[in-house]
Amino acid sequence: MIVAGTQEIHFPIERTWNFLVDPHLFGKFIPNISSIEKLREDEYLVSGNLNISGFSSMLSGNLHIYKKNEPKSFTVDISQEGKWGVLSACIDFRLTESSPNNTLANYNVQLKLPLLVKSMIGNKIKELIHQNAIAFFQLLNDQKPD
């Protein structure tokens, strides 16, 4: 399952980069994440609760940031396990300076779900990812400058 989009961020590309590669900062904007613990450089333990259309599961797993090409691109792998199996996502971010104070953020999410989860709520998860991405980037745009 793939979800892709582009959002305008009203910050210079360097500030956008610094925000997006810091899980403790962007983790504050992602619903249902309850904790992020650093394991080593660019690797984190992440836990939270997924609750969609009556489907609920506590999830725990790893987040890894790699393929960093500052300030233009990076990839995040998230793999979490819950009672329904392993859910994983690979998110490619591409940042482009659209003006000195604005950045275009392109994201491409490749999501892998257990078959039962995909058949029950796959479309809802895809919709949720899209809605959360829009809300996430709006919250980022609402941040006050340093």
N, C-alpha and C. Protein backbone atom coordinates (compact mmCIF):
# COMPACT_ATOMS: atom_id res chain seq x y z
N MET A 1 0.86 -1.16 0.00
CA MET A 1 0.00 0.00 0.00
C MET A 1 0.91 1.23 0.00
N ILE A 2 0.62 2.19 -0.88
CA ILE A 2 1.44 3.40 -1.01
C ILE A 2 0.58 4.63 -0.79
N VAL A 3 1.12 5.56 -0.01
CA VAL A 3 0.50 6.87 0.21
C VAL A 3 1.58 7.90 -0.07
N ALA A 4 1.29 8.84 -0.95
CA ALA A 4 2.27 9.86 -1.30
C ALA A 4 1.63 11.23 -1.30
N GLY A 5 2.45 12.24 -1.09
CA GLY A 5 1.93 13.60 -1.10
C GLY A 5 3.03 14.62 -1.05
N THR A 6 2.64 15.87 -1.18
CA THR A 6 3.55 17.01 -1.12
C THR A 6 2.90 18.08 -0.26
N GLN A 7 3.69 18.67 0.61
CA GLN A 7 3.21 19.75 1.46
C GLN A 7 4.22 20.89 1.45
N GLU A 8 3.70 22.10 1.49
CA GLU A 8 4.54 23.30 1.59
C GLU A 8 4.79 23.57 3.07
N ILE A 9 6.05 23.77 3.43
CA ILE A 9 6.42 24.10 4.81
C ILE A 9 7.01 25.50 4.79
N HIS A 10 6.54 26.34 5.70
CA HIS A 10 6.92 27.75 5.69
C HIS A 10 8.15 28.02 6.55
N PHE A 11 9.20 27.24 6.30
CA PHE A 11 10.48 27.40 6.95
C PHE A 11 11.58 27.13 5.94
N PRO A 12 12.78 27.68 6.17
CA PRO A 12 13.91 27.35 5.30
C PRO A 12 14.19 25.84 5.33
N ILE A 13 14.80 25.35 4.29
CA ILE A 13 15.03 23.92 4.14
C ILE A 13 15.86 23.35 5.29
N GLU A 14 16.85 24.10 5.81
CA GLU A 14 17.68 23.60 6.91
C GLU A 14 16.86 23.39 8.18
N ARG A 15 15.98 24.33 8.49
CA ARG A 15 15.14 24.17 9.69
C ARG A 15 14.16 23.02 9.51
N THR A 16 13.60 22.89 8.32
CA THR A 16 12.69 21.78 8.03
C THR A 16 13.43 20.46 8.22
N TRP A 17 14.63 20.37 7.67
CA TRP A 17 15.46 19.16 7.81
C TRP A 17 15.67 18.82 9.28
N ASN A 18 16.13 19.81 10.06
CA ASN A 18 16.43 19.57 11.47
C ASN A 18 15.21 19.07 12.23
N PHE A 19 14.06 19.58 11.90
CA PHE A 19 12.84 19.14 12.56
C PHE A 19 12.49 17.69 12.17
N LEU A 20 12.53 17.41 10.89
CA LEU A 20 12.07 16.11 10.41
C LEU A 20 12.99 14.95 10.77
N VAL A 21 14.29 15.20 10.95
CA VAL A 21 15.18 14.08 11.30
C VAL A 21 15.32 13.90 12.81
N ASP A 22 14.59 14.67 13.60
CA ASP A 22 14.61 14.52 15.05
C ASP A 22 13.31 13.85 15.51
N PRO A 23 13.35 12.54 15.78
CA PRO A 23 12.12 11.83 16.16
C PRO A 23 11.44 12.41 17.39
N HIS A 24 12.20 12.98 18.33
CA HIS A 24 11.57 13.55 19.51
C HIS A 24 10.74 14.77 19.17
N LEU A 25 11.14 15.51 18.14
CA LEU A 25 10.33 16.66 17.71
C LEU A 25 9.14 16.22 16.88
N PHE A 26 9.39 15.42 15.83
CA PHE A 26 8.24 15.06 14.99
C PHE A 26 7.34 14.06 15.67
N GLY A 27 7.85 13.32 16.65
CA GLY A 27 7.02 12.38 17.40
C GLY A 27 5.90 13.06 18.17
N LYS A 28 6.11 14.33 18.52
CA LYS A 28 5.08 15.09 19.23
C LYS A 28 3.85 15.35 18.35
N PHE A 29 4.04 15.26 17.04
CA PHE A 29 2.97 15.60 16.11
C PHE A 29 2.29 14.37 15.52
N ILE A 30 2.80 13.18 15.82
CA ILE A 30 2.21 11.97 15.26
C ILE A 30 1.26 11.37 16.29
N PRO A 31 -0.02 11.28 15.96
CA PRO A 31 -0.99 10.74 16.91
C PRO A 31 -0.65 9.31 17.33
N ASN A 32 -0.97 8.99 18.55
CA ASN A 32 -0.88 7.65 19.09
C ASN A 32 0.52 7.18 19.46
N ILE A 33 1.56 8.01 19.28
CA ILE A 33 2.88 7.62 19.76
C ILE A 33 2.96 8.02 21.23
N SER A 34 3.26 7.04 22.08
CA SER A 34 3.33 7.34 23.51
C SER A 34 4.76 7.48 24.00
N SER A 35 5.73 6.85 23.31
CA SER A 35 7.12 7.01 23.73
C SER A 35 8.09 6.78 22.58
N ILE A 36 9.21 7.49 22.67
CA ILE A 36 10.32 7.34 21.73
C ILE A 36 11.59 7.30 22.58
N GLU A 37 12.34 6.20 22.46
CA GLU A 37 13.55 6.02 23.25
C GLU A 37 14.73 5.77 22.30
N LYS A 38 15.77 6.57 22.43
CA LYS A 38 16.94 6.41 21.57
C LYS A 38 17.71 5.15 21.95
N LEU A 39 17.98 4.31 20.95
CA LEU A 39 18.78 3.10 21.16
C LEU A 39 20.24 3.36 20.82
N ARG A 40 20.45 4.02 19.68
CA ARG A 40 21.78 4.43 19.19
C ARG A 40 21.54 5.48 18.12
N GLU A 41 22.58 5.99 17.54
CA GLU A 41 22.45 7.04 16.53
C GLU A 41 21.46 6.63 15.44
N ASP A 42 20.42 7.44 15.26
CA ASP A 42 19.41 7.25 14.22
C ASP A 42 18.55 5.98 14.37
N GLU A 43 18.57 5.35 15.55
CA GLU A 43 17.72 4.19 15.81
C GLU A 43 17.00 4.39 17.14
N TYR A 44 15.68 4.12 17.13
CA TYR A 44 14.83 4.42 18.28
C TYR A 44 13.84 3.29 18.51
N LEU A 45 13.44 3.15 19.77
CA LEU A 45 12.35 2.26 20.15
C LEU A 45 11.10 3.13 20.26
N VAL A 46 10.03 2.75 19.55
CA VAL A 46 8.81 3.55 19.50
C VAL A 46 7.64 2.68 19.94
N SER A 47 6.74 3.26 20.75
CA SER A 47 5.54 2.52 21.11
C SER A 47 4.33 3.45 21.06
N GLY A 48 3.19 2.84 20.89
CA GLY A 48 1.95 3.61 20.82
C GLY A 48 0.75 2.69 20.68
N ASN A 49 -0.40 3.29 20.43
CA ASN A 49 -1.64 2.54 20.32
C ASN A 49 -2.32 2.90 19.01
N LEU A 50 -2.69 1.90 18.25
CA LEU A 50 -3.44 2.11 17.01
C LEU A 50 -4.90 1.77 17.31
N ASN A 51 -5.80 2.71 16.99
CA ASN A 51 -7.22 2.48 17.24
C ASN A 51 -8.00 3.07 16.07
N ILE A 52 -8.47 2.18 15.18
CA ILE A 52 -9.21 2.60 13.99
C ILE A 52 -10.41 1.69 13.81
N SER A 53 -11.57 2.28 13.73
CA SER A 53 -12.81 1.55 13.42
C SER A 53 -12.97 0.27 14.24
N GLY A 54 -12.75 0.37 15.53
CA GLY A 54 -12.92 -0.80 16.38
C GLY A 54 -11.71 -1.71 16.42
N PHE A 55 -10.74 -1.49 15.58
CA PHE A 55 -9.50 -2.25 15.58
C PHE A 55 -8.53 -1.52 16.50
N SER A 56 -8.06 -2.21 17.53
CA SER A 56 -7.17 -1.58 18.50
C SER A 56 -6.02 -2.51 18.81
N SER A 57 -4.82 -1.95 18.89
CA SER A 57 -3.66 -2.75 19.25
C SER A 57 -2.56 -1.85 19.78
N MET A 58 -1.92 -2.29 20.86
CA MET A 58 -0.70 -1.63 21.32
C MET A 58 0.42 -2.08 20.39
N LEU A 59 1.24 -1.13 19.96
CA LEU A 59 2.33 -1.45 19.05
C LEU A 59 3.65 -1.03 19.67
N SER A 60 4.68 -1.81 19.40
CA SER A 60 6.02 -1.48 19.86
C SER A 60 7.00 -1.97 18.82
N GLY A 61 8.01 -1.15 18.54
CA GLY A 61 8.98 -1.57 17.55
C GLY A 61 10.07 -0.54 17.35
N ASN A 62 10.72 -0.61 16.21
CA ASN A 62 11.88 0.22 15.93
C ASN A 62 11.63 1.26 14.85
N LEU A 63 12.35 2.35 14.97
CA LEU A 63 12.35 3.41 13.97
C LEU A 63 13.81 3.66 13.61
N HIS A 64 14.11 3.69 12.33
CA HIS A 64 15.48 3.86 11.86
C HIS A 64 15.49 4.95 10.79
N ILE A 65 16.37 5.93 10.95
CA ILE A 65 16.53 7.01 9.97
C ILE A 65 17.83 6.75 9.22
N TYR A 66 17.78 6.74 7.90
CA TYR A 66 18.98 6.45 7.12
C TYR A 66 18.88 7.09 5.74
N LYS A 67 19.88 6.82 4.90
CA LYS A 67 19.98 7.43 3.57
C LYS A 67 19.89 8.96 3.69
N LYS A 68 20.56 9.50 4.70
CA LYS A 68 20.50 10.94 4.94
C LYS A 68 21.38 11.68 3.95
N ASN A 69 20.79 12.59 3.22
CA ASN A 69 21.48 13.47 2.27
C ASN A 69 21.07 14.90 2.63
N GLU A 70 21.69 15.42 3.69
CA GLU A 70 21.30 16.72 4.25
C GLU A 70 21.50 17.84 3.25
N PRO A 71 20.55 18.75 3.09
CA PRO A 71 19.21 18.79 3.67
C PRO A 71 18.14 18.35 2.68
N LYS A 72 18.47 17.42 1.79
CA LYS A 72 17.55 17.13 0.68
C LYS A 72 16.70 15.87 0.82
N SER A 73 17.20 14.84 1.47
CA SER A 73 16.41 13.60 1.51
C SER A 73 16.86 12.69 2.65
N PHE A 74 15.94 11.83 3.06
CA PHE A 74 16.24 10.78 4.03
C PHE A 74 15.10 9.77 3.99
N THR A 75 15.35 8.64 4.61
CA THR A 75 14.35 7.57 4.68
C THR A 75 14.16 7.15 6.13
N VAL A 76 12.92 6.86 6.49
CA VAL A 76 12.58 6.38 7.81
C VAL A 76 11.92 5.01 7.65
N ASP A 77 12.44 4.02 8.36
CA ASP A 77 11.80 2.71 8.44
C ASP A 77 11.19 2.56 9.82
N ILE A 78 9.94 2.17 9.87
CA ILE A 78 9.26 1.90 11.13
C ILE A 78 8.70 0.49 11.05
N SER A 79 9.01 -0.31 12.06
CA SER A 79 8.47 -1.67 12.13
C SER A 79 7.95 -1.86 13.54
N GLN A 80 6.64 -2.11 13.66
CA GLN A 80 6.03 -2.27 14.96
C GLN A 80 5.22 -3.55 14.99
N GLU A 81 5.26 -4.20 16.14
CA GLU A 81 4.52 -5.44 16.31
C GLU A 81 3.41 -5.25 17.34
N GLY A 82 2.26 -5.82 17.03
CA GLY A 82 1.11 -5.78 17.94
C GLY A 82 0.43 -7.13 17.91
N LYS A 83 -0.72 -7.21 18.54
CA LYS A 83 -1.41 -8.50 18.63
C LYS A 83 -1.86 -9.03 17.27
N TRP A 84 -1.94 -8.16 16.27
CA TRP A 84 -2.39 -8.58 14.93
C TRP A 84 -1.23 -8.89 14.00
N GLY A 85 0.01 -8.72 14.48
CA GLY A 85 1.17 -9.00 13.66
C GLY A 85 2.06 -7.78 13.51
N VAL A 86 2.92 -7.81 12.50
CA VAL A 86 3.90 -6.74 12.27
C VAL A 86 3.36 -5.77 11.22
N LEU A 87 3.39 -4.50 11.58
CA LEU A 87 3.06 -3.42 10.64
C LEU A 87 4.37 -2.69 10.37
N SER A 88 4.66 -2.41 9.11
CA SER A 88 5.89 -1.70 8.81
C SER A 88 5.64 -0.64 7.75
N ALA A 89 6.46 0.38 7.81
CA ALA A 89 6.37 1.47 6.84
C ALA A 89 7.77 1.94 6.49
N CYS A 90 7.95 2.25 5.23
CA CYS A 90 9.17 2.88 4.74
C CYS A 90 8.73 4.22 4.18
N ILE A 91 9.27 5.31 4.74
CA ILE A 91 8.87 6.65 4.34
C ILE A 91 10.07 7.37 3.74
N ASP A 92 9.97 7.71 2.48
CA ASP A 92 11.01 8.50 1.81
C ASP A 92 10.59 9.96 1.82
N PHE A 93 11.46 10.82 2.33
CA PHE A 93 11.24 12.26 2.33
C PHE A 93 12.20 12.90 1.35
N ARG A 94 11.68 13.82 0.54
CA ARG A 94 12.49 14.62 -0.38
C ARG A 94 12.13 16.08 -0.12
N LEU A 95 13.14 16.89 0.20
CA LEU A 95 12.92 18.31 0.49
C LEU A 95 13.52 19.15 -0.62
N THR A 96 12.76 20.15 -1.03
CA THR A 96 13.19 21.06 -2.08
C THR A 96 12.93 22.48 -1.62
N GLU A 97 13.92 23.33 -1.75
CA GLU A 97 13.74 24.74 -1.39
C GLU A 97 12.90 25.41 -2.47
N SER A 98 11.71 25.89 -2.11
CA SER A 98 10.86 26.56 -3.08
C SER A 98 11.07 28.07 -3.05
N SER A 99 11.62 28.58 -1.94
CA SER A 99 12.05 29.97 -1.80
C SER A 99 12.96 29.98 -0.57
N PRO A 100 13.63 31.08 -0.28
CA PRO A 100 14.53 31.07 0.89
C PRO A 100 13.85 30.72 2.21
N ASN A 101 12.56 30.95 2.32
CA ASN A 101 11.85 30.66 3.58
C ASN A 101 10.77 29.61 3.45
N ASN A 102 10.77 28.85 2.36
CA ASN A 102 9.75 27.82 2.15
C ASN A 102 10.39 26.55 1.58
N THR A 103 9.85 25.43 2.01
CA THR A 103 10.35 24.12 1.58
C THR A 103 9.18 23.27 1.12
N LEU A 104 9.37 22.57 0.01
CA LEU A 104 8.40 21.55 -0.42
C LEU A 104 8.87 20.22 0.14
N ALA A 105 7.99 19.55 0.87
CA ALA A 105 8.29 18.23 1.41
C ALA A 105 7.46 17.21 0.65
N ASN A 106 8.14 16.34 -0.06
CA ASN A 106 7.49 15.22 -0.75
C ASN A 106 7.69 13.98 0.11
N TYR A 107 6.63 13.22 0.32
CA TYR A 107 6.74 12.00 1.09
C TYR A 107 6.10 10.86 0.32
N ASN A 108 6.68 9.69 0.47
CA ASN A 108 6.18 8.48 -0.16
C ASN A 108 6.22 7.40 0.91
N VAL A 109 5.06 6.94 1.33
CA VAL A 109 4.95 5.93 2.39
C VAL A 109 4.60 4.59 1.75
N GLN A 110 5.46 3.60 1.96
CA GLN A 110 5.16 2.23 1.54
C GLN A 110 4.83 1.46 2.80
N LEU A 111 3.57 1.06 2.92
CA LEU A 111 3.06 0.45 4.13
C LEU A 111 2.81 -1.03 3.90
N LYS A 112 3.27 -1.84 4.85
CA LYS A 112 3.02 -3.29 4.80
C LYS A 112 2.23 -3.66 6.04
N LEU A 113 1.08 -4.27 5.82
CA LEU A 113 0.18 -4.66 6.90
C LEU A 113 -0.06 -6.16 6.88
N PRO A 114 -0.31 -6.77 8.04
CA PRO A 114 -0.73 -8.17 8.04
C PRO A 114 -2.01 -8.30 7.21
N LEU A 115 -2.18 -9.41 6.54
CA LEU A 115 -3.31 -9.62 5.63
C LEU A 115 -4.66 -9.36 6.30
N LEU A 116 -4.84 -9.83 7.51
CA LEU A 116 -6.11 -9.63 8.21
C LEU A 116 -6.36 -8.13 8.45
N VAL A 117 -5.34 -7.42 8.89
CA VAL A 117 -5.47 -5.99 9.14
C VAL A 117 -5.77 -5.26 7.84
N LYS A 118 -5.04 -5.61 6.78
CA LYS A 118 -5.25 -4.97 5.48
C LYS A 118 -6.67 -5.19 4.98
N SER A 119 -7.19 -6.40 5.14
CA SER A 119 -8.54 -6.67 4.65
C SER A 119 -9.60 -5.97 5.50
N MET A 120 -9.34 -5.80 6.80
CA MET A 120 -10.33 -5.20 7.69
C MET A 120 -10.34 -3.66 7.60
N ILE A 121 -9.15 -3.07 7.63
CA ILE A 121 -9.10 -1.60 7.75
C ILE A 121 -8.04 -0.96 6.85
N GLY A 122 -7.60 -1.65 5.83
CA GLY A 122 -6.55 -1.12 4.95
C GLY A 122 -6.87 0.25 4.38
N ASN A 123 -8.09 0.43 3.87
CA ASN A 123 -8.46 1.73 3.29
C ASN A 123 -8.52 2.82 4.34
N LYS A 124 -8.96 2.47 5.53
CA LYS A 124 -9.03 3.46 6.61
C LYS A 124 -7.63 3.89 7.05
N ILE A 125 -6.68 2.94 7.07
CA ILE A 125 -5.31 3.29 7.43
C ILE A 125 -4.71 4.22 6.38
N LYS A 126 -4.96 3.93 5.13
CA LYS A 126 -4.46 4.79 4.05
C LYS A 126 -5.01 6.21 4.21
N GLU A 127 -6.29 6.32 4.48
CA GLU A 127 -6.94 7.62 4.70
C GLU A 127 -6.36 8.31 5.94
N LEU A 128 -6.14 7.54 7.01
CA LEU A 128 -5.58 8.08 8.25
C LEU A 128 -4.17 8.62 8.02
N ILE A 129 -3.35 7.91 7.27
CA ILE A 129 -1.99 8.38 6.98
C ILE A 129 -2.05 9.70 6.24
N HIS A 130 -2.92 9.79 5.24
CA HIS A 130 -3.06 11.03 4.47
C HIS A 130 -3.51 12.18 5.37
N GLN A 131 -4.53 11.95 6.20
CA GLN A 131 -5.03 12.99 7.10
C GLN A 131 -3.97 13.40 8.12
N ASN A 132 -3.25 12.42 8.68
CA ASN A 132 -2.20 12.73 9.66
C ASN A 132 -1.06 13.51 9.03
N ALA A 133 -0.71 13.20 7.78
CA ALA A 133 0.35 13.94 7.10
C ALA A 133 -0.05 15.41 6.95
N ILE A 134 -1.27 15.65 6.52
CA ILE A 134 -1.73 17.04 6.37
C ILE A 134 -1.72 17.75 7.72
N ALA A 135 -2.24 17.09 8.76
CA ALA A 135 -2.27 17.70 10.09
C ALA A 135 -0.85 17.91 10.63
N PHE A 136 0.03 16.94 10.40
CA PHE A 136 1.42 17.03 10.85
C PHE A 136 2.10 18.26 10.24
N PHE A 137 1.99 18.42 8.94
CA PHE A 137 2.66 19.55 8.28
C PHE A 137 2.01 20.88 8.65
N GLN A 138 0.71 20.88 8.92
CA GLN A 138 0.06 22.11 9.38
C GLN A 138 0.59 22.50 10.75
N LEU A 139 0.72 21.53 11.66
CA LEU A 139 1.28 21.81 12.98
C LEU A 139 2.72 22.31 12.87
N LEU A 140 3.47 21.73 11.96
CA LEU A 140 4.84 22.20 11.74
C LEU A 140 4.83 23.65 11.29
N ASN A 141 3.96 23.98 10.36
CA ASN A 141 3.86 25.36 9.87
C ASN A 141 3.43 26.34 10.96
N ASP A 142 2.72 25.87 11.96
CA ASP A 142 2.26 26.72 13.05
C ASP A 142 3.34 26.99 14.11
N GLN A 143 4.49 26.30 14.01
CA GLN A 143 5.56 26.50 14.98
C GLN A 143 6.16 27.89 14.85
N LYS A 144 6.55 28.45 15.97
CA LYS A 144 7.16 29.78 15.97
C LYS A 144 8.62 29.65 15.57
N PRO A 145 9.16 30.63 14.85
CA PRO A 145 10.58 30.58 14.47
C PRO A 145 11.49 30.53 15.71
N ASP A 146 12.66 29.95 15.52
CA ASP A 146 13.65 29.89 16.62
C ASP A 146 14.08 31.26 17.06
